[in-house]
């Protein structure tokens, strides 16, 4: 879980320019591995302090986490290609982690 300071920095990056976030989640390669599995598990009930409720990306700004998941079938889980499949998923997760880290570091 991100600290409140980290969450605020990600929100500020989104408020400034949400395109990198939207582009990642719309990317064909990313969606191939996490099709329909972005889960806004925790969202602020109210508009976070310092942000406008009418911001065009308020739903992104309200996010507290960026959680993606992938369910595996029994066939996928027991297949000889499991390790490669998991490695490919983690490559995509690294893209998300880098984006979040860049936002926290003020690089976006």
PDB file of N, CA and C in Angstrom:
ATOM      1  N   UNK A   1       0.841  -1.180   0.000  1.00  0.00           N
ATOM      2  CA  UNK A   1       0.000   0.000   0.000  1.00  0.00           C
ATOM      3  C   UNK A   1       0.880   1.235   0.000  1.00  0.00           C
ATOM      4  N   UNK A   2       0.545   2.173  -0.839  1.00  0.00           N
ATOM      5  CA  UNK A   2       1.302   3.418  -0.924  1.00  0.00           C
ATOM      6  C   UNK A   2       1.043   4.286   0.300  1.00  0.00           C
ATOM      7  N   UNK A   3       2.043   5.064   0.667  1.00  0.00           N
ATOM      8  CA  UNK A   3       1.868   6.012   1.762  1.00  0.00           C
ATOM      9  C   UNK A   3       0.987   7.163   1.267  1.00  0.00           C
ATOM     10  N   UNK A   4       0.503   7.980   2.191  1.00  0.00           N
ATOM     11  CA  UNK A   4      -0.341   9.104   1.784  1.00  0.00           C
ATOM     12  C   UNK A   4       0.460  10.085   0.926  1.00  0.00           C
ATOM     13  N   UNK A   5       1.745  10.255   1.218  1.00  0.00           N
ATOM     14  CA  UNK A   5       2.597  11.150   0.429  1.00  0.00           C
ATOM     15  C   UNK A   5       2.758  10.612  -1.002  1.00  0.00           C
ATOM     16  N   UNK A   6       2.955   9.309  -1.134  1.00  0.00           N
ATOM     17  CA  UNK A   6       3.087   8.696  -2.455  1.00  0.00           C
ATOM     18  C   UNK A   6       1.781   8.800  -3.238  1.00  0.00           C
ATOM     19  N   UNK A   7       0.680   8.533  -2.568  1.00  0.00           N
ATOM     20  CA  UNK A   7      -0.635   8.621  -3.217  1.00  0.00           C
ATOM     21  C   UNK A   7      -0.888  10.035  -3.707  1.00  0.00           C
ATOM     22  N   UNK A   8      -0.526  11.012  -2.892  1.00  0.00           N
ATOM     23  CA  UNK A   8      -0.721  12.407  -3.294  1.00  0.00           C
ATOM     24  C   UNK A   8       0.115  12.735  -4.532  1.00  0.00           C
ATOM     25  N   UNK A   9       1.338  12.246  -4.589  1.00  0.00           N
ATOM     26  CA  UNK A   9       2.186  12.515  -5.747  1.00  0.00           C
ATOM     27  C   UNK A   9       1.634  11.869  -7.016  1.00  0.00           C
ATOM     28  N   UNK A  10       1.099  10.667  -6.890  1.00  0.00           N
ATOM     29  CA  UNK A  10       0.486  10.000  -8.052  1.00  0.00           C
ATOM     30  C   UNK A  10      -0.736  10.805  -8.495  1.00  0.00           C
ATOM     31  N   UNK A  11      -1.544  11.237  -7.547  1.00  0.00           N
ATOM     32  CA  UNK A  11      -2.729  12.039  -7.889  1.00  0.00           C
ATOM     33  C   UNK A  11      -2.333  13.347  -8.573  1.00  0.00           C
ATOM     34  N   UNK A  12      -1.285  13.984  -8.077  1.00  0.00           N
ATOM     35  CA  UNK A  12      -0.824  15.225  -8.688  1.00  0.00           C
ATOM     36  C   UNK A  12      -0.360  14.981 -10.127  1.00  0.00           C
ATOM     37  N   UNK A  13       0.332  13.869 -10.348  1.00  0.00           N
ATOM     38  CA  UNK A  13       0.781  13.529 -11.704  1.00  0.00           C
ATOM     39  C   UNK A  13      -0.410  13.294 -12.626  1.00  0.00           C
ATOM     40  N   UNK A  14      -1.422  12.622 -12.126  1.00  0.00           N
ATOM     41  CA  UNK A  14      -2.627  12.365 -12.923  1.00  0.00           C
ATOM     42  C   UNK A  14      -3.348  13.676 -13.221  1.00  0.00           C
ATOM     43  N   UNK A  15      -3.462  14.536 -12.216  1.00  0.00           N
ATOM     44  CA  UNK A  15      -4.152  15.820 -12.411  1.00  0.00           C
ATOM     45  C   UNK A  15      -3.426  16.677 -13.440  1.00  0.00           C
ATOM     46  N   UNK A  16      -2.113  16.589 -13.434  1.00  0.00           N
ATOM     47  CA  UNK A  16      -1.292  17.365 -14.370  1.00  0.00           C
ATOM     48  C   UNK A  16      -1.360  16.792 -15.783  1.00  0.00           C
ATOM     49  N   UNK A  17      -1.282  15.451 -15.877  1.00  0.00           N
ATOM     50  CA  UNK A  17      -1.284  14.795 -17.190  1.00  0.00           C
ATOM     51  C   UNK A  17      -1.648  13.322 -17.012  1.00  0.00           C
ATOM     52  N   UNK A  18      -2.888  12.982 -17.260  1.00  0.00           N
ATOM     53  CA  UNK A  18      -3.357  11.598 -17.082  1.00  0.00           C
ATOM     54  C   UNK A  18      -3.028  10.703 -18.275  1.00  0.00           C
ATOM     55  N   UNK A  19      -2.530  11.284 -19.358  1.00  0.00           N
ATOM     56  CA  UNK A  19      -2.294  10.528 -20.586  1.00  0.00           C
ATOM     57  C   UNK A  19      -1.424   9.288 -20.380  1.00  0.00           C
ATOM     58  N   UNK A  20      -0.287   9.358 -19.661  1.00  0.00           N
ATOM     59  CA  UNK A  20       0.515   8.141 -19.488  1.00  0.00           C
ATOM     60  C   UNK A  20      -0.263   7.000 -18.820  1.00  0.00           C
ATOM     61  N   UNK A  21      -1.132   7.331 -17.882  1.00  0.00           N
ATOM     62  CA  UNK A  21      -1.929   6.311 -17.198  1.00  0.00           C
ATOM     63  C   UNK A  21      -2.983   5.733 -18.133  1.00  0.00           C
ATOM     64  N   UNK A  22      -3.686   6.614 -18.811  1.00  0.00           N
ATOM     65  CA  UNK A  22      -4.721   6.158 -19.747  1.00  0.00           C
ATOM     66  C   UNK A  22      -4.108   5.349 -20.883  1.00  0.00           C
ATOM     67  N   UNK A  23      -2.947   5.801 -21.359  1.00  0.00           N
ATOM     68  CA  UNK A  23      -2.278   5.080 -22.450  1.00  0.00           C
ATOM     69  C   UNK A  23      -1.874   3.671 -22.029  1.00  0.00           C
ATOM     70  N   UNK A  24      -1.335   3.534 -20.824  1.00  0.00           N
ATOM     71  CA  UNK A  24      -0.931   2.204 -20.357  1.00  0.00           C
ATOM     72  C   UNK A  24      -2.132   1.271 -20.277  1.00  0.00           C
ATOM     73  N   UNK A  25      -3.207   1.714 -19.655  1.00  0.00           N
ATOM     74  CA  UNK A  25      -4.365   0.843 -19.476  1.00  0.00           C
ATOM     75  C   UNK A  25      -5.123   0.597 -20.779  1.00  0.00           C
ATOM     76  N   UNK A  26      -4.887   1.430 -21.797  1.00  0.00           N
ATOM     77  CA  UNK A  26      -5.497   1.215 -23.114  1.00  0.00           C
ATOM     78  C   UNK A  26      -4.565   0.464 -24.064  1.00  0.00           C
ATOM     79  N   UNK A  27      -3.309   0.291 -23.675  1.00  0.00           N
ATOM     80  CA  UNK A  27      -2.314  -0.357 -24.525  1.00  0.00           C
ATOM     81  C   UNK A  27      -2.702  -1.808 -24.820  1.00  0.00           C
ATOM     82  N   UNK A  28      -2.619  -2.193 -26.090  1.00  0.00           N
ATOM     83  CA  UNK A  28      -3.021  -3.542 -26.504  1.00  0.00           C
ATOM     84  C   UNK A  28      -2.223  -4.625 -25.782  1.00  0.00           C
ATOM     85  N   UNK A  29      -0.929  -4.426 -25.659  1.00  0.00           N
ATOM     86  CA  UNK A  29      -0.084  -5.437 -25.007  1.00  0.00           C
ATOM     87  C   UNK A  29      -0.435  -5.572 -23.521  1.00  0.00           C
ATOM     88  N   UNK A  30      -0.644  -4.450 -22.849  1.00  0.00           N
ATOM     89  CA  UNK A  30      -1.020  -4.476 -21.433  1.00  0.00           C
ATOM     90  C   UNK A  30      -2.381  -5.141 -21.260  1.00  0.00           C
ATOM     91  N   UNK A  31      -3.326  -4.753 -22.092  1.00  0.00           N
ATOM     92  CA  UNK A  31      -4.677  -5.321 -22.012  1.00  0.00           C
ATOM     93  C   UNK A  31      -4.697  -6.809 -22.347  1.00  0.00           C
ATOM     94  N   UNK A  32      -3.762  -7.226 -23.194  1.00  0.00           N
ATOM     95  CA  UNK A  32      -3.677  -8.647 -23.543  1.00  0.00           C
ATOM     96  C   UNK A  32      -3.463  -9.493 -22.285  1.00  0.00           C
ATOM     97  N   UNK A  33      -2.675  -8.982 -21.370  1.00  0.00           N
ATOM     98  CA  UNK A  33      -2.371  -9.720 -20.147  1.00  0.00           C
ATOM     99  C   UNK A  33      -3.339  -9.424 -19.009  1.00  0.00           C
ATOM    100  N   UNK A  34      -3.932  -8.257 -19.015  1.00  0.00           N
ATOM    101  CA  UNK A  34      -4.840  -7.874 -17.919  1.00  0.00           C
ATOM    102  C   UNK A  34      -6.174  -7.385 -18.463  1.00  0.00           C
ATOM    103  N   UNK A  35      -6.711  -8.150 -19.388  1.00  0.00           N
ATOM    104  CA  UNK A  35      -7.989  -7.805 -20.008  1.00  0.00           C
ATOM    105  C   UNK A  35      -9.086  -7.743 -18.943  1.00  0.00           C
ATOM    106  N   UNK A  36      -9.721  -6.593 -18.863  1.00  0.00           N
ATOM    107  CA  UNK A  36     -10.844  -6.382 -17.933  1.00  0.00           C
ATOM    108  C   UNK A  36     -10.502  -6.710 -16.492  1.00  0.00           C
ATOM    109  N   UNK A  37      -9.242  -6.561 -16.109  1.00  0.00           N
ATOM    110  CA  UNK A  37      -8.909  -6.946 -14.739  1.00  0.00           C
ATOM    111  C   UNK A  37      -8.340  -5.794 -13.923  1.00  0.00           C
ATOM    112  N   UNK A  38      -8.503  -4.542 -14.397  1.00  0.00           N
ATOM    113  CA  UNK A  38      -8.134  -3.401 -13.579  1.00  0.00           C
ATOM    114  C   UNK A  38      -9.227  -3.262 -12.530  1.00  0.00           C
ATOM    115  N   UNK A  39      -8.827  -3.278 -11.290  1.00  0.00           N
ATOM    116  CA  UNK A  39      -9.800  -3.259 -10.213  1.00  0.00           C
ATOM    117  C   UNK A  39      -9.574  -2.040  -9.327  1.00  0.00           C
ATOM    118  N   UNK A  40     -10.440  -1.047  -9.426  1.00  0.00           N
ATOM    119  CA  UNK A  40     -10.305   0.103  -8.531  1.00  0.00           C
ATOM    120  C   UNK A  40     -10.786  -0.273  -7.127  1.00  0.00           C
ATOM    121  N   UNK A  41      -9.985  -1.092  -6.451  1.00  0.00           N
ATOM    122  CA  UNK A  41     -10.360  -1.639  -5.145  1.00  0.00           C
ATOM    123  C   UNK A  41     -10.669  -0.554  -4.124  1.00  0.00           C
ATOM    124  N   UNK A  42      -9.798   0.416  -4.056  1.00  0.00           N
ATOM    125  CA  UNK A  42      -9.996   1.468  -3.065  1.00  0.00           C
ATOM    126  C   UNK A  42     -10.050   2.812  -3.754  1.00  0.00           C
ATOM    127  N   UNK A  43     -11.167   3.464  -3.572  1.00  0.00           N
ATOM    128  CA  UNK A  43     -11.387   4.781  -4.153  1.00  0.00           C
ATOM    129  C   UNK A  43     -11.845   5.725  -3.048  1.00  0.00           C
ATOM    130  N   UNK A  44     -11.324   6.941  -3.068  1.00  0.00           N
ATOM    131  CA  UNK A  44     -11.747   7.933  -2.079  1.00  0.00           C
ATOM    132  C   UNK A  44     -13.232   8.213  -2.269  1.00  0.00           C
ATOM    133  N   UNK A  45     -13.946   8.310  -1.172  1.00  0.00           N
ATOM    134  CA  UNK A  45     -15.379   8.589  -1.246  1.00  0.00           C
ATOM    135  C   UNK A  45     -15.634  10.044  -1.640  1.00  0.00           C
ATOM    136  N   UNK A  46     -14.760  10.915  -1.146  1.00  0.00           N
ATOM    137  CA  UNK A  46     -14.874  12.335  -1.463  1.00  0.00           C
ATOM    138  C   UNK A  46     -13.670  12.762  -2.285  1.00  0.00           C
ATOM    139  N   UNK A  47     -13.783  13.930  -2.841  1.00  0.00           N
ATOM    140  CA  UNK A  47     -12.683  14.490  -3.610  1.00  0.00           C
ATOM    141  C   UNK A  47     -11.495  14.732  -2.673  1.00  0.00           C
ATOM    142  N   UNK A  48     -10.311  14.231  -3.026  1.00  0.00           N
ATOM    143  CA  UNK A  48      -9.136  14.448  -2.178  1.00  0.00           C
ATOM    144  C   UNK A  48      -8.823  15.940  -2.033  1.00  0.00           C
ATOM    145  N   UNK A  49      -8.346  16.301  -0.862  1.00  0.00           N
ATOM    146  CA  UNK A  49      -8.005  17.686  -0.575  1.00  0.00           C
ATOM    147  C   UNK A  49      -7.006  18.215  -1.613  1.00  0.00           C
ATOM    148  N   UNK A  50      -7.291  19.413  -2.099  1.00  0.00           N
ATOM    149  CA  UNK A  50      -6.406  20.054  -3.060  1.00  0.00           C
ATOM    150  C   UNK A  50      -6.764  19.791  -4.511  1.00  0.00           C
ATOM    151  N   UNK A  51      -7.808  19.015  -4.744  1.00  0.00           N
ATOM    152  CA  UNK A  51      -8.233  18.697  -6.102  1.00  0.00           C
ATOM    153  C   UNK A  51      -9.674  19.139  -6.296  1.00  0.00           C
ATOM    154  N   UNK A  52      -9.995  19.499  -7.521  1.00  0.00           N
ATOM    155  CA  UNK A  52     -11.341  19.958  -7.835  1.00  0.00           C
ATOM    156  C   UNK A  52     -12.236  18.780  -8.195  1.00  0.00           C
ATOM    157  N   UNK A  53     -13.432  18.782  -7.650  1.00  0.00           N
ATOM    158  CA  UNK A  53     -14.410  17.728  -7.934  1.00  0.00           C
ATOM    159  C   UNK A  53     -14.768  17.686  -9.419  1.00  0.00           C
ATOM    160  N   UNK A  54     -14.641  18.811 -10.097  1.00  0.00           N
ATOM    161  CA  UNK A  54     -15.002  18.842 -11.516  1.00  0.00           C
ATOM    162  C   UNK A  54     -13.801  18.619 -12.444  1.00  0.00           C
ATOM    163  N   UNK A  55     -12.689  18.164 -11.885  1.00  0.00           N
ATOM    164  CA  UNK A  55     -11.529  17.831 -12.730  1.00  0.00           C
ATOM    165  C   UNK A  55     -11.954  16.711 -13.686  1.00  0.00           C
ATOM    166  N   UNK A  56     -11.574  16.788 -14.967  1.00  0.00           N
ATOM    167  CA  UNK A  56     -12.014  15.756 -15.929  1.00  0.00           C
ATOM    168  C   UNK A  56     -11.523  14.341 -15.590  1.00  0.00           C
ATOM    169  N   UNK A  57     -10.473  14.233 -14.783  1.00  0.00           N
ATOM    170  CA  UNK A  57      -9.951  12.913 -14.418  1.00  0.00           C
ATOM    171  C   UNK A  57     -10.161  12.599 -12.939  1.00  0.00           C
ATOM    172  N   UNK A  58     -11.229  13.145 -12.364  1.00  0.00           N
ATOM    173  CA  UNK A  58     -11.456  12.972 -10.927  1.00  0.00           C
ATOM    174  C   UNK A  58     -11.573  11.494 -10.527  1.00  0.00           C
ATOM    175  N   UNK A  59     -12.112  10.655 -11.397  1.00  0.00           N
ATOM    176  CA  UNK A  59     -12.215   9.230 -11.053  1.00  0.00           C
ATOM    177  C   UNK A  59     -10.838   8.588 -10.934  1.00  0.00           C
ATOM    178  N   UNK A  60      -9.885   9.032 -11.747  1.00  0.00           N
ATOM    179  CA  UNK A  60      -8.509   8.546 -11.631  1.00  0.00           C
ATOM    180  C   UNK A  60      -7.854   9.127 -10.379  1.00  0.00           C
ATOM    181  N   UNK A  61      -8.122  10.398 -10.111  1.00  0.00           N
ATOM    182  CA  UNK A  61      -7.527  11.075  -8.954  1.00  0.00           C
ATOM    183  C   UNK A  61      -8.010  10.446  -7.651  1.00  0.00           C
ATOM    184  N   UNK A  62      -9.231   9.991  -7.615  1.00  0.00           N
ATOM    185  CA  UNK A  62      -9.791   9.386  -6.400  1.00  0.00           C
ATOM    186  C   UNK A  62      -9.223   7.998  -6.092  1.00  0.00           C
ATOM    187  N   UNK A  63      -8.552   7.394  -7.060  1.00  0.00           N
ATOM    188  CA  UNK A  63      -8.003   6.052  -6.826  1.00  0.00           C
ATOM    189  C   UNK A  63      -6.961   6.076  -5.705  1.00  0.00           C
ATOM    190  N   UNK A  64      -7.026   5.077  -4.845  1.00  0.00           N
ATOM    191  CA  UNK A  64      -6.021   4.916  -3.792  1.00  0.00           C
ATOM    192  C   UNK A  64      -5.001   3.854  -4.175  1.00  0.00           C
ATOM    193  N   UNK A  65      -5.396   2.947  -5.070  1.00  0.00           N
ATOM    194  CA  UNK A  65      -4.502   1.871  -5.512  1.00  0.00           C
ATOM    195  C   UNK A  65      -4.689   1.636  -7.003  1.00  0.00           C
ATOM    196  N   UNK A  66      -3.677   1.033  -7.597  1.00  0.00           N
ATOM    197  CA  UNK A  66      -3.742   0.590  -8.985  1.00  0.00           C
ATOM    198  C   UNK A  66      -3.498  -0.908  -8.941  1.00  0.00           C
ATOM    199  N   UNK A  67      -4.579  -1.656  -8.962  1.00  0.00           N
ATOM    200  CA  UNK A  67      -4.514  -3.097  -8.771  1.00  0.00           C
ATOM    201  C   UNK A  67      -4.989  -3.798 -10.026  1.00  0.00           C
ATOM    202  N   UNK A  68      -4.115  -4.622 -10.586  1.00  0.00           N
ATOM    203  CA  UNK A  68      -4.503  -5.461 -11.716  1.00  0.00           C
ATOM    204  C   UNK A  68      -4.326  -6.914 -11.301  1.00  0.00           C
ATOM    205  N   UNK A  69      -5.122  -7.762 -11.880  1.00  0.00           N
ATOM    206  CA  UNK A  69      -5.023  -9.186 -11.536  1.00  0.00           C
ATOM    207  C   UNK A  69      -5.300 -10.025 -12.776  1.00  0.00           C
ATOM    208  N   UNK A  70      -4.926 -11.264 -12.658  1.00  0.00           N
ATOM    209  CA  UNK A  70      -5.150 -12.211 -13.747  1.00  0.00           C
ATOM    210  C   UNK A  70      -5.509 -13.550 -13.138  1.00  0.00           C
ATOM    211  N   UNK A  71      -6.642 -14.067 -13.522  1.00  0.00           N
ATOM    212  CA  UNK A  71      -7.037 -15.401 -13.096  1.00  0.00           C
ATOM    213  C   UNK A  71      -6.492 -16.411 -14.088  1.00  0.00           C
ATOM    214  N   UNK A  72      -6.036 -17.518 -13.572  1.00  0.00           N
ATOM    215  CA  UNK A  72      -5.545 -18.593 -14.435  1.00  0.00           C
ATOM    216  C   UNK A  72      -6.496 -19.772 -14.357  1.00  0.00           C
ATOM    217  N   UNK A  73      -6.716 -20.376 -15.502  1.00  0.00           N
ATOM    218  CA  UNK A  73      -7.497 -21.607 -15.514  1.00  0.00           C
ATOM    219  C   UNK A  73      -6.601 -22.731 -15.006  1.00  0.00           C
ATOM    220  N   UNK A  74      -7.185 -23.840 -14.662  1.00  0.00           N
ATOM    221  CA  UNK A  74      -6.405 -24.996 -14.226  1.00  0.00           C
ATOM    222  C   UNK A  74      -5.466 -25.445 -15.341  1.00  0.00           C
ATOM    223  N   UNK A  75      -5.944 -25.392 -16.566  1.00  0.00           N
ATOM    224  CA  UNK A  75      -5.112 -25.778 -17.710  1.00  0.00           C
ATOM    225  C   UNK A  75      -3.890 -24.858 -17.833  1.00  0.00           C
ATOM    226  N   UNK A  76      -4.103 -23.536 -17.678  1.00  0.00           N
ATOM    227  CA  UNK A  76      -2.989 -22.588 -17.744  1.00  0.00           C
ATOM    228  C   UNK A  76      -2.011 -22.814 -16.581  1.00  0.00           C
ATOM    229  N   UNK A  77      -2.578 -23.063 -15.410  1.00  0.00           N
ATOM    230  CA  UNK A  77      -1.755 -23.226 -14.210  1.00  0.00           C
ATOM    231  C   UNK A  77      -0.889 -24.483 -14.272  1.00  0.00           C
ATOM    232  N   UNK A  78      -1.386 -25.511 -14.909  1.00  0.00           N
ATOM    233  CA  UNK A  78      -0.640 -26.774 -14.975  1.00  0.00           C
ATOM    234  C   UNK A  78       0.116 -26.956 -16.288  1.00  0.00           C
ATOM    235  N   UNK A  79       0.088 -25.956 -17.143  1.00  0.00           N
ATOM    236  CA  UNK A  79       0.756 -26.095 -18.437  1.00  0.00           C
ATOM    237  C   UNK A  79       2.271 -25.941 -18.294  1.00  0.00           C
ATOM    238  N   UNK A  80       3.029 -26.539 -19.202  1.00  0.00           N
ATOM    239  CA  UNK A  80       4.485 -26.391 -19.191  1.00  0.00           C
ATOM    240  C   UNK A  80       4.924 -24.945 -19.434  1.00  0.00           C
ATOM    241  N   UNK A  81       4.054 -24.130 -20.002  1.00  0.00           N
ATOM    242  CA  UNK A  81       4.397 -22.740 -20.300  1.00  0.00           C
ATOM    243  C   UNK A  81       4.064 -21.773 -19.172  1.00  0.00           C
ATOM    244  N   UNK A  82       3.732 -22.303 -17.988  1.00  0.00           N
ATOM    245  CA  UNK A  82       3.331 -21.429 -16.877  1.00  0.00           C
ATOM    246  C   UNK A  82       4.397 -20.386 -16.558  1.00  0.00           C
ATOM    247  N   UNK A  83       5.640 -20.800 -16.443  1.00  0.00           N
ATOM    248  CA  UNK A  83       6.708 -19.861 -16.057  1.00  0.00           C
ATOM    249  C   UNK A  83       6.840 -18.726 -17.069  1.00  0.00           C
ATOM    250  N   UNK A  84       6.773 -19.056 -18.340  1.00  0.00           N
ATOM    251  CA  UNK A  84       6.870 -18.022 -19.375  1.00  0.00           C
ATOM    252  C   UNK A  84       5.653 -17.101 -19.304  1.00  0.00           C
ATOM    253  N   UNK A  85       4.491 -17.667 -19.112  1.00  0.00           N
ATOM    254  CA  UNK A  85       3.255 -16.899 -18.999  1.00  0.00           C
ATOM    255  C   UNK A  85       3.346 -15.922 -17.820  1.00  0.00           C
ATOM    256  N   UNK A  86       3.770 -16.406 -16.685  1.00  0.00           N
ATOM    257  CA  UNK A  86       3.893 -15.557 -15.488  1.00  0.00           C
ATOM    258  C   UNK A  86       4.946 -14.469 -15.719  1.00  0.00           C
ATOM    259  N   UNK A  87       6.067 -14.826 -16.338  1.00  0.00           N
ATOM    260  CA  UNK A  87       7.123 -13.846 -16.618  1.00  0.00           C
ATOM    261  C   UNK A  87       6.596 -12.738 -17.535  1.00  0.00           C
ATOM    262  N   UNK A  88       5.808 -13.103 -18.521  1.00  0.00           N
ATOM    263  CA  UNK A  88       5.240 -12.097 -19.422  1.00  0.00           C
ATOM    264  C   UNK A  88       4.274 -11.165 -18.691  1.00  0.00           C
ATOM    265  N   UNK A  89       3.512 -11.704 -17.764  1.00  0.00           N
ATOM    266  CA  UNK A  89       2.614 -10.871 -16.964  1.00  0.00           C
ATOM    267  C   UNK A  89       3.428  -9.899 -16.104  1.00  0.00           C
ATOM    268  N   UNK A  90       4.507 -10.405 -15.515  1.00  0.00           N
ATOM    269  CA  UNK A  90       5.323  -9.545 -14.665  1.00  0.00           C
ATOM    270  C   UNK A  90       6.006  -8.440 -15.473  1.00  0.00           C
ATOM    271  N   UNK A  91       6.340  -8.704 -16.719  1.00  0.00           N
ATOM    272  CA  UNK A  91       6.899  -7.645 -17.577  1.00  0.00           C
ATOM    273  C   UNK A  91       5.913  -6.500 -17.723  1.00  0.00           C
ATOM    274  N   UNK A  92       4.656  -6.835 -17.865  1.00  0.00           N
ATOM    275  CA  UNK A  92       3.628  -5.793 -17.965  1.00  0.00           C
ATOM    276  C   UNK A  92       3.430  -5.083 -16.632  1.00  0.00           C
ATOM    277  N   UNK A  93       3.493  -5.832 -15.543  1.00  0.00           N
ATOM    278  CA  UNK A  93       3.376  -5.211 -14.214  1.00  0.00           C
ATOM    279  C   UNK A  93       4.514  -4.226 -13.970  1.00  0.00           C
ATOM    280  N   UNK A  94       5.686  -4.546 -14.483  1.00  0.00           N
ATOM    281  CA  UNK A  94       6.820  -3.631 -14.334  1.00  0.00           C
ATOM    282  C   UNK A  94       6.541  -2.299 -15.021  1.00  0.00           C
ATOM    283  N   UNK A  95       5.819  -2.325 -16.114  1.00  0.00           N
ATOM    284  CA  UNK A  95       5.439  -1.084 -16.789  1.00  0.00           C
ATOM    285  C   UNK A  95       4.563  -0.225 -15.882  1.00  0.00           C
ATOM    286  N   UNK A  96       3.614  -0.861 -15.206  1.00  0.00           N
ATOM    287  CA  UNK A  96       2.747  -0.143 -14.276  1.00  0.00           C
ATOM    288  C   UNK A  96       3.560   0.374 -13.092  1.00  0.00           C
ATOM    289  N   UNK A  97       4.420  -0.466 -12.543  1.00  0.00           N
ATOM    290  CA  UNK A  97       5.244  -0.046 -11.406  1.00  0.00           C
ATOM    291  C   UNK A  97       6.140   1.131 -11.771  1.00  0.00           C
ATOM    292  N   UNK A  98       6.716   1.099 -12.974  1.00  0.00           N
ATOM    293  CA  UNK A  98       7.588   2.196 -13.411  1.00  0.00           C
ATOM    294  C   UNK A  98       6.789   3.485 -13.547  1.00  0.00           C
ATOM    295  N   UNK A  99       5.611   3.393 -14.109  1.00  0.00           N
ATOM    296  CA  UNK A  99       4.756   4.565 -14.254  1.00  0.00           C
ATOM    297  C   UNK A  99       4.449   5.172 -12.886  1.00  0.00           C
ATOM    298  N   UNK A 100       4.078   4.332 -11.934  1.00  0.00           N
ATOM    299  CA  UNK A 100       3.775   4.822 -10.586  1.00  0.00           C
ATOM    300  C   UNK A 100       5.017   5.408  -9.921  1.00  0.00           C
ATOM    301  N   UNK A 101       6.165   4.752 -10.093  1.00  0.00           N
ATOM    302  CA  UNK A 101       7.401   5.261  -9.504  1.00  0.00           C
ATOM    303  C   UNK A 101       7.786   6.602 -10.123  1.00  0.00           C
ATOM    304  N   UNK A 102       7.629   6.728 -11.435  1.00  0.00           N
ATOM    305  CA  UNK A 102       7.902   8.004 -12.097  1.00  0.00           C
ATOM    306  C   UNK A 102       7.008   9.107 -11.571  1.00  0.00           C
ATOM    307  N   UNK A 103       5.755   8.784 -11.323  1.00  0.00           N
ATOM    308  CA  UNK A 103       4.828   9.767 -10.762  1.00  0.00           C
ATOM    309  C   UNK A 103       5.271  10.176  -9.357  1.00  0.00           C
ATOM    310  N   UNK A 104       5.647   9.217  -8.553  1.00  0.00           N
ATOM    311  CA  UNK A 104       6.096   9.492  -7.183  1.00  0.00           C
ATOM    312  C   UNK A 104       7.386  10.319  -7.186  1.00  0.00           C
ATOM    313  N   UNK A 105       8.271  10.025  -8.126  1.00  0.00           N
ATOM    314  CA  UNK A 105       9.545  10.746  -8.217  1.00  0.00           C
ATOM    315  C   UNK A 105       9.435  12.088  -8.919  1.00  0.00           C
ATOM    316  N   UNK A 106       8.248  12.438  -9.391  1.00  0.00           N
ATOM    317  CA  UNK A 106       8.041  13.725 -10.058  1.00  0.00           C
ATOM    318  C   UNK A 106       8.576  13.770 -11.481  1.00  0.00           C
ATOM    319  N   UNK A 107       8.701  12.615 -12.114  1.00  0.00           N
ATOM    320  CA  UNK A 107       9.244  12.534 -13.478  1.00  0.00           C
ATOM    321  C   UNK A 107       8.155  12.652 -14.549  1.00  0.00           C
ATOM    322  N   UNK A 108       6.910  12.708 -14.139  1.00  0.00           N
ATOM    323  CA  UNK A 108       5.814  12.828 -15.124  1.00  0.00           C
ATOM    324  C   UNK A 108       5.295  14.249 -15.180  1.00  0.00           C
TER     325      UNK A 108
END
